[in-house]
Amino acid sequence: MPNITVELLQGRTMEQRRAFARAVADNAVEILGARRQDVRMVFTEISADSVANGGVLASEDESRAGVVAALNGD
């Protein structure tokens, strides 16, 4: 049984998570030979203040400003 943990910045819609879950489950069935009902996913939403890339908080990273703003609905 595949157990898949997905960490996402807060702000993804239910439909985005639903579509992602379907796509990952489809691939787990095809590639791993898993039964669809055995593919388990846990989504963990994290704030842009609680993750850093290259030592810079995502909330303060100018190269990610557009993505963070879009997720916040700005």
PDB file of N, CA and C in Angstrom:
ATOM      1  N   MET A   1       0.842  -1.167   0.000  1.00  0.00           N
ATOM      2  CA  MET A   1       0.000   0.000   0.000  1.00  0.00           C
ATOM      3  C   MET A   1       0.896   1.242   0.000  1.00  0.00           C
ATOM      4  N   PRO A   2       0.868   2.034  -1.070  1.00  0.00           N
ATOM      5  CA  PRO A   2       1.639   3.275  -1.089  1.00  0.00           C
ATOM      6  C   PRO A   2       1.031   4.304  -0.146  1.00  0.00           C
ATOM      7  N   ASN A   3       1.857   4.882   0.707  1.00  0.00           N
ATOM      8  CA  ASN A   3       1.472   6.004   1.562  1.00  0.00           C
ATOM      9  C   ASN A   3       2.251   7.202   1.072  1.00  0.00           C
ATOM     10  N   ILE A   4       1.540   8.205   0.595  1.00  0.00           N
ATOM     11  CA  ILE A   4       2.174   9.361  -0.040  1.00  0.00           C
ATOM     12  C   ILE A   4       1.848  10.602   0.756  1.00  0.00           C
ATOM     13  N   THR A   5       2.875  11.335   1.156  1.00  0.00           N
ATOM     14  CA  THR A   5       2.702  12.585   1.886  1.00  0.00           C
ATOM     15  C   THR A   5       3.031  13.732   0.949  1.00  0.00           C
ATOM     16  N   VAL A   6       2.113  14.700   0.874  1.00  0.00           N
ATOM     17  CA  VAL A   6       2.268  15.836  -0.011  1.00  0.00           C
ATOM     18  C   VAL A   6       2.245  17.105   0.831  1.00  0.00           C
ATOM     19  N   GLU A   7       3.299  17.903   0.742  1.00  0.00           N
ATOM     20  CA  GLU A   7       3.331  19.193   1.421  1.00  0.00           C
ATOM     21  C   GLU A   7       3.130  20.290   0.388  1.00  0.00           C
ATOM     22  N   LEU A   8       2.174  21.168   0.653  1.00  0.00           N
ATOM     23  CA  LEU A   8       1.831  22.250  -0.264  1.00  0.00           C
ATOM     24  C   LEU A   8       1.747  23.562   0.502  1.00  0.00           C
ATOM     25  N   LEU A   9       2.107  24.643  -0.179  1.00  0.00           N
ATOM     26  CA  LEU A   9       1.838  25.945   0.411  1.00  0.00           C
ATOM     27  C   LEU A   9       0.333  26.117   0.516  1.00  0.00           C
ATOM     28  N   GLN A  10      -0.132  26.739   1.578  1.00  0.00           N
ATOM     29  CA  GLN A  10      -1.557  26.991   1.760  1.00  0.00           C
ATOM     30  C   GLN A  10      -2.110  27.770   0.584  1.00  0.00           C
ATOM     31  N   GLY A  11      -3.362  27.489   0.247  1.00  0.00           N
ATOM     32  CA  GLY A  11      -4.028  28.253  -0.786  1.00  0.00           C
ATOM     33  C   GLY A  11      -4.485  27.443  -1.977  1.00  0.00           C
ATOM     34  N   ARG A  12      -4.085  26.182  -2.072  1.00  0.00           N
ATOM     35  CA  ARG A  12      -4.568  25.346  -3.163  1.00  0.00           C
ATOM     36  C   ARG A  12      -6.057  25.073  -2.941  1.00  0.00           C
ATOM     37  N   THR A  13      -6.805  25.022  -4.017  1.00  0.00           N
ATOM     38  CA  THR A  13      -8.236  24.776  -3.899  1.00  0.00           C
ATOM     39  C   THR A  13      -8.513  23.289  -3.710  1.00  0.00           C
ATOM     40  N   MET A  14      -9.727  23.003  -3.283  1.00  0.00           N
ATOM     41  CA  MET A  14     -10.147  21.613  -3.130  1.00  0.00           C
ATOM     42  C   MET A  14     -10.063  20.904  -4.478  1.00  0.00           C
ATOM     43  N   GLU A  15     -10.476  21.577  -5.552  1.00  0.00           N
ATOM     44  CA  GLU A  15     -10.433  20.961  -6.884  1.00  0.00           C
ATOM     45  C   GLU A  15      -8.987  20.663  -7.303  1.00  0.00           C
ATOM     46  N   GLN A  16      -8.045  21.544  -6.984  1.00  0.00           N
ATOM     47  CA  GLN A  16      -6.641  21.287  -7.308  1.00  0.00           C
ATOM     48  C   GLN A  16      -6.126  20.065  -6.552  1.00  0.00           C
ATOM     49  N   ARG A  17      -6.448  19.973  -5.271  1.00  0.00           N
ATOM     50  CA  ARG A  17      -6.012  18.810  -4.490  1.00  0.00           C
ATOM     51  C   ARG A  17      -6.676  17.542  -5.000  1.00  0.00           C
ATOM     52  N   ARG A  18      -7.954  17.627  -5.352  1.00  0.00           N
ATOM     53  CA  ARG A  18      -8.686  16.472  -5.871  1.00  0.00           C
ATOM     54  C   ARG A  18      -8.051  15.982  -7.184  1.00  0.00           C
ATOM     55  N   ALA A  19      -7.765  16.913  -8.089  1.00  0.00           N
ATOM     56  CA  ALA A  19      -7.161  16.550  -9.378  1.00  0.00           C
ATOM     57  C   ALA A  19      -5.763  15.966  -9.180  1.00  0.00           C
ATOM     58  N   PHE A  20      -4.996  16.548  -8.276  1.00  0.00           N
ATOM     59  CA  PHE A  20      -3.653  16.045  -7.989  1.00  0.00           C
ATOM     60  C   PHE A  20      -3.738  14.625  -7.434  1.00  0.00           C
ATOM     61  N   ALA A  21      -4.664  14.409  -6.495  1.00  0.00           N
ATOM     62  CA  ALA A  21      -4.828  13.083  -5.889  1.00  0.00           C
ATOM     63  C   ALA A  21      -5.183  12.040  -6.942  1.00  0.00           C
ATOM     64  N   ARG A  22      -6.092  12.403  -7.857  1.00  0.00           N
ATOM     65  CA  ARG A  22      -6.452  11.466  -8.933  1.00  0.00           C
ATOM     66  C   ARG A  22      -5.249  11.128  -9.800  1.00  0.00           C
ATOM     67  N   ALA A  23      -4.486  12.155 -10.183  1.00  0.00           N
ATOM     68  CA  ALA A  23      -3.333  11.939 -11.060  1.00  0.00           C
ATOM     69  C   ALA A  23      -2.274  11.068 -10.384  1.00  0.00           C
ATOM     70  N   VAL A  24      -2.006  11.321  -9.121  1.00  0.00           N
ATOM     71  CA  VAL A  24      -1.008  10.522  -8.399  1.00  0.00           C
ATOM     72  C   VAL A  24      -1.506   9.088  -8.243  1.00  0.00           C
ATOM     73  N   ALA A  25      -2.779   8.922  -7.892  1.00  0.00           N
ATOM     74  CA  ALA A  25      -3.331   7.573  -7.749  1.00  0.00           C
ATOM     75  C   ALA A  25      -3.288   6.821  -9.072  1.00  0.00           C
ATOM     76  N   ASP A  26      -3.632   7.509 -10.159  1.00  0.00           N
ATOM     77  CA  ASP A  26      -3.560   6.878 -11.481  1.00  0.00           C
ATOM     78  C   ASP A  26      -2.155   6.349 -11.748  1.00  0.00           C
ATOM     79  N   ASN A  27      -1.160   7.151 -11.451  1.00  0.00           N
ATOM     80  CA  ASN A  27       0.224   6.742 -11.704  1.00  0.00           C
ATOM     81  C   ASN A  27       0.682   5.646 -10.757  1.00  0.00           C
ATOM     82  N   ALA A  28       0.244   5.685  -9.507  1.00  0.00           N
ATOM     83  CA  ALA A  28       0.614   4.627  -8.565  1.00  0.00           C
ATOM     84  C   ALA A  28       0.039   3.288  -9.014  1.00  0.00           C
ATOM     85  N   VAL A  29      -1.177   3.310  -9.533  1.00  0.00           N
ATOM     86  CA  VAL A  29      -1.797   2.083 -10.044  1.00  0.00           C
ATOM     87  C   VAL A  29      -1.015   1.576 -11.251  1.00  0.00           C
ATOM     88  N   GLU A  30      -0.724   2.486 -12.182  1.00  0.00           N
ATOM     89  CA  GLU A  30      -0.038   2.091 -13.413  1.00  0.00           C
ATOM     90  C   GLU A  30       1.406   1.660 -13.165  1.00  0.00           C
ATOM     91  N   ILE A  31       2.152   2.451 -12.430  1.00  0.00           N
ATOM     92  CA  ILE A  31       3.585   2.205 -12.289  1.00  0.00           C
ATOM     93  C   ILE A  31       3.902   1.181 -11.204  1.00  0.00           C
ATOM     94  N   LEU A  32       3.191   1.283 -10.068  1.00  0.00           N
ATOM     95  CA  LEU A  32       3.497   0.402  -8.936  1.00  0.00           C
ATOM     96  C   LEU A  32       2.637  -0.854  -8.893  1.00  0.00           C
ATOM     97  N   GLY A  33       1.583  -0.854  -9.702  1.00  0.00           N
ATOM     98  CA  GLY A  33       0.675  -1.992  -9.666  1.00  0.00           C
ATOM     99  C   GLY A  33      -0.181  -2.021  -8.411  1.00  0.00           C
ATOM    100  N   ALA A  34      -0.329  -0.872  -7.768  1.00  0.00           N
ATOM    101  CA  ALA A  34      -1.127  -0.794  -6.541  1.00  0.00           C
ATOM    102  C   ALA A  34      -2.608  -0.832  -6.871  1.00  0.00           C
ATOM    103  N   ARG A  35      -3.383  -1.328  -5.940  1.00  0.00           N
ATOM    104  CA  ARG A  35      -4.830  -1.210  -6.087  1.00  0.00           C
ATOM    105  C   ARG A  35      -5.215   0.230  -5.758  1.00  0.00           C
ATOM    106  N   ARG A  36      -6.098   0.808  -6.561  1.00  0.00           N
ATOM    107  CA  ARG A  36      -6.478   2.210  -6.376  1.00  0.00           C
ATOM    108  C   ARG A  36      -6.902   2.486  -4.932  1.00  0.00           C
ATOM    109  N   GLN A  37      -7.698   1.612  -4.360  1.00  0.00           N
ATOM    110  CA  GLN A  37      -8.205   1.853  -3.007  1.00  0.00           C
ATOM    111  C   GLN A  37      -7.113   1.773  -1.941  1.00  0.00           C
ATOM    112  N   ASP A  38      -5.941   1.290  -2.301  1.00  0.00           N
ATOM    113  CA  ASP A  38      -4.832   1.201  -1.351  1.00  0.00           C
ATOM    114  C   ASP A  38      -3.857   2.373  -1.447  1.00  0.00           C
ATOM    115  N   VAL A  39      -4.070   3.261  -2.401  1.00  0.00           N
ATOM    116  CA  VAL A  39      -3.184   4.431  -2.541  1.00  0.00           C
ATOM    117  C   VAL A  39      -3.671   5.494  -1.567  1.00  0.00           C
ATOM    118  N   ARG A  40      -2.850   5.763  -0.564  1.00  0.00           N
ATOM    119  CA  ARG A  40      -3.223   6.708   0.498  1.00  0.00           C
ATOM    120  C   ARG A  40      -2.378   7.960   0.386  1.00  0.00           C
ATOM    121  N   MET A  41      -3.028   9.128   0.430  1.00  0.00           N
ATOM    122  CA  MET A  41      -2.325  10.411   0.380  1.00  0.00           C
ATOM    123  C   MET A  41      -2.739  11.269   1.551  1.00  0.00           C
ATOM    124  N   VAL A  42      -1.770  11.955   2.116  1.00  0.00           N
ATOM    125  CA  VAL A  42      -2.029  12.924   3.174  1.00  0.00           C
ATOM    126  C   VAL A  42      -1.490  14.262   2.695  1.00  0.00           C
ATOM    127  N   PHE A  43      -2.372  15.258   2.675  1.00  0.00           N
ATOM    128  CA  PHE A  43      -1.958  16.605   2.305  1.00  0.00           C
ATOM    129  C   PHE A  43      -1.676  17.395   3.571  1.00  0.00           C
ATOM    130  N   THR A  44      -0.509  18.017   3.603  1.00  0.00           N
ATOM    131  CA  THR A  44      -0.149  18.905   4.693  1.00  0.00           C
ATOM    132  C   THR A  44       0.055  20.279   4.101  1.00  0.00           C
ATOM    133  N   GLU A  45      -0.731  21.240   4.574  1.00  0.00           N
ATOM    134  CA  GLU A  45      -0.587  22.605   4.080  1.00  0.00           C
ATOM    135  C   GLU A  45       0.355  23.362   5.008  1.00  0.00           C
ATOM    136  N   ILE A  46       1.284  24.062   4.394  1.00  0.00           N
ATOM    137  CA  ILE A  46       2.251  24.833   5.166  1.00  0.00           C
ATOM    138  C   ILE A  46       2.163  26.301   4.742  1.00  0.00           C
ATOM    139  N   SER A  47       2.438  27.172   5.675  1.00  0.00           N
ATOM    140  CA  SER A  47       2.405  28.600   5.351  1.00  0.00           C
ATOM    141  C   SER A  47       3.731  29.011   4.725  1.00  0.00           C
ATOM    142  N   ALA A  48       3.687  30.080   3.955  1.00  0.00           N
ATOM    143  CA  ALA A  48       4.893  30.578   3.295  1.00  0.00           C
ATOM    144  C   ALA A  48       5.920  31.069   4.309  1.00  0.00           C
ATOM    145  N   ASP A  49       5.493  31.297   5.552  1.00  0.00           N
ATOM    146  CA  ASP A  49       6.416  31.702   6.611  1.00  0.00           C
ATOM    147  C   ASP A  49       7.099  30.517   7.277  1.00  0.00           C
ATOM    148  N   SER A  50       6.628  29.294   6.968  1.00  0.00           N
ATOM    149  CA  SER A  50       7.184  28.133   7.663  1.00  0.00           C
ATOM    150  C   SER A  50       8.053  27.261   6.767  1.00  0.00           C
ATOM    151  N   VAL A  51       8.404  27.756   5.580  1.00  0.00           N
ATOM    152  CA  VAL A  51       9.282  26.996   4.694  1.00  0.00           C
ATOM    153  C   VAL A  51      10.299  27.957   4.076  1.00  0.00           C
ATOM    154  N   ALA A  52      11.525  27.490   3.963  1.00  0.00           N
ATOM    155  CA  ALA A  52      12.582  28.308   3.372  1.00  0.00           C
ATOM    156  C   ALA A  52      13.280  27.513   2.279  1.00  0.00           C
ATOM    157  N   ASN A  53      13.672  28.203   1.246  1.00  0.00           N
ATOM    158  CA  ASN A  53      14.440  27.611   0.153  1.00  0.00           C
ATOM    159  C   ASN A  53      15.733  28.400   0.029  1.00  0.00           C
ATOM    160  N   GLY A  54      16.838  27.715   0.131  1.00  0.00           N
ATOM    161  CA  GLY A  54      18.125  28.396   0.043  1.00  0.00           C
ATOM    162  C   GLY A  54      18.335  29.399   1.166  1.00  0.00           C
ATOM    163  N   GLY A  55      17.698  29.152   2.309  1.00  0.00           N
ATOM    164  CA  GLY A  55      17.860  30.034   3.457  1.00  0.00           C
ATOM    165  C   GLY A  55      16.945  31.248   3.454  1.00  0.00           C
ATOM    166  N   VAL A  56      16.019  31.315   2.493  1.00  0.00           N
ATOM    167  CA  VAL A  56      15.107  32.451   2.398  1.00  0.00           C
ATOM    168  C   VAL A  56      13.678  31.943   2.566  1.00  0.00           C
ATOM    169  N   LEU A  57      12.935  32.556   3.489  1.00  0.00           N
ATOM    170  CA  LEU A  57      11.537  32.176   3.675  1.00  0.00           C
ATOM    171  C   LEU A  57      10.776  32.376   2.367  1.00  0.00           C
ATOM    172  N   ALA A  58       9.887  31.452   2.057  1.00  0.00           N
ATOM    173  CA  ALA A  58       9.106  31.565   0.828  1.00  0.00           C
ATOM    174  C   ALA A  58       8.317  32.868   0.804  1.00  0.00           C
ATOM    175  N   SER A  59       7.871  33.320   1.965  1.00  0.00           N
ATOM    176  CA  SER A  59       7.100  34.558   2.045  1.00  0.00           C
ATOM    177  C   SER A  59       7.944  35.793   1.741  1.00  0.00           C
ATOM    178  N   GLU A  60       9.270  35.657   1.814  1.00  0.00           N
ATOM    179  CA  GLU A  60      10.169  36.791   1.590  1.00  0.00           C
ATOM    180  C   GLU A  60      11.014  36.636   0.329  1.00  0.00           C
ATOM    181  N   ASP A  61      10.790  35.563  -0.415  1.00  0.00           N
ATOM    182  CA  ASP A  61      11.578  35.272  -1.606  1.00  0.00           C
ATOM    183  C   ASP A  61      10.949  35.973  -2.809  1.00  0.00           C
ATOM    184  N   GLU A  62      11.626  36.969  -3.321  1.00  0.00           N
ATOM    185  CA  GLU A  62      11.104  37.755  -4.440  1.00  0.00           C
ATOM    186  C   GLU A  62      10.814  36.891  -5.664  1.00  0.00           C
ATOM    187  N   SER A  63      11.599  35.846  -5.874  1.00  0.00           N
ATOM    188  CA  SER A  63      11.370  34.993  -7.049  1.00  0.00           C
ATOM    189  C   SER A  63      10.097  34.166  -6.918  1.00  0.00           C
ATOM    190  N   ARG A  64       9.552  34.066  -5.712  1.00  0.00           N
ATOM    191  CA  ARG A  64       8.323  33.306  -5.477  1.00  0.00           C
ATOM    192  C   ARG A  64       7.143  34.215  -5.166  1.00  0.00           C
ATOM    193  N   ALA A  65       7.337  35.512  -5.223  1.00  0.00           N
ATOM    194  CA  ALA A  65       6.304  36.461  -4.811  1.00  0.00           C
ATOM    195  C   ALA A  65       5.005  36.257  -5.590  1.00  0.00           C
ATOM    196  N   GLY A  66       5.088  36.028  -6.891  1.00  0.00           N
ATOM    197  CA  GLY A  66       3.884  35.838  -7.696  1.00  0.00           C
ATOM    198  C   GLY A  66       3.121  34.589  -7.300  1.00  0.00           C
ATOM    199  N   VAL A  67       3.833  33.514  -7.043  1.00  0.00           N
ATOM    200  CA  VAL A  67       3.190  32.255  -6.654  1.00  0.00           C
ATOM    201  C   VAL A  67       2.518  32.418  -5.300  1.00  0.00           C
ATOM    202  N   VAL A  68       3.232  32.986  -4.333  1.00  0.00           N
ATOM    203  CA  VAL A  68       2.682  33.170  -2.993  1.00  0.00           C
ATOM    204  C   VAL A  68       1.476  34.095  -3.047  1.00  0.00           C
ATOM    205  N   ALA A  69       1.573  35.184  -3.817  1.00  0.00           N
ATOM    206  CA  ALA A  69       0.443  36.107  -3.929  1.00  0.00           C
ATOM    207  C   ALA A  69      -0.774  35.425  -4.544  1.00  0.00           C
ATOM    208  N   ALA A  70      -0.572  34.613  -5.560  1.00  0.00           N
ATOM    209  CA  ALA A  70      -1.684  33.916  -6.208  1.00  0.00           C
ATOM    210  C   ALA A  70      -2.351  32.946  -5.238  1.00  0.00           C
ATOM    211  N   LEU A  71      -1.559  32.259  -4.428  1.00  0.00           N
ATOM    212  CA  LEU A  71      -2.120  31.316  -3.464  1.00  0.00           C
ATOM    213  C   LEU A  71      -2.886  32.036  -2.363  1.00  0.00           C
ATOM    214  N   ASN A  72      -2.468  33.273  -2.070  1.00  0.00           N
ATOM    215  CA  ASN A  72      -3.149  34.078  -1.044  1.00  0.00           C
ATOM    216  C   ASN A  72      -4.336  34.832  -1.595  1.00  0.00           C
ATOM    217  N   GLY A  73      -4.539  34.730  -2.911  1.00  0.00           N
ATOM    218  CA  GLY A  73      -5.654  35.430  -3.532  1.00  0.00           C
ATOM    219  C   GLY A  73      -5.419  36.911  -3.742  1.00  0.00           C
ATOM    220  N   ASP A  74      -4.142  37.329  -3.697  1.00  0.00           N
ATOM    221  CA  ASP A  74      -3.811  38.743  -3.880  1.00  0.00           C
ATOM    222  C   ASP A  74      -3.828  39.126  -5.348  1.00  0.00           C
TER     223      ASP A  74
END
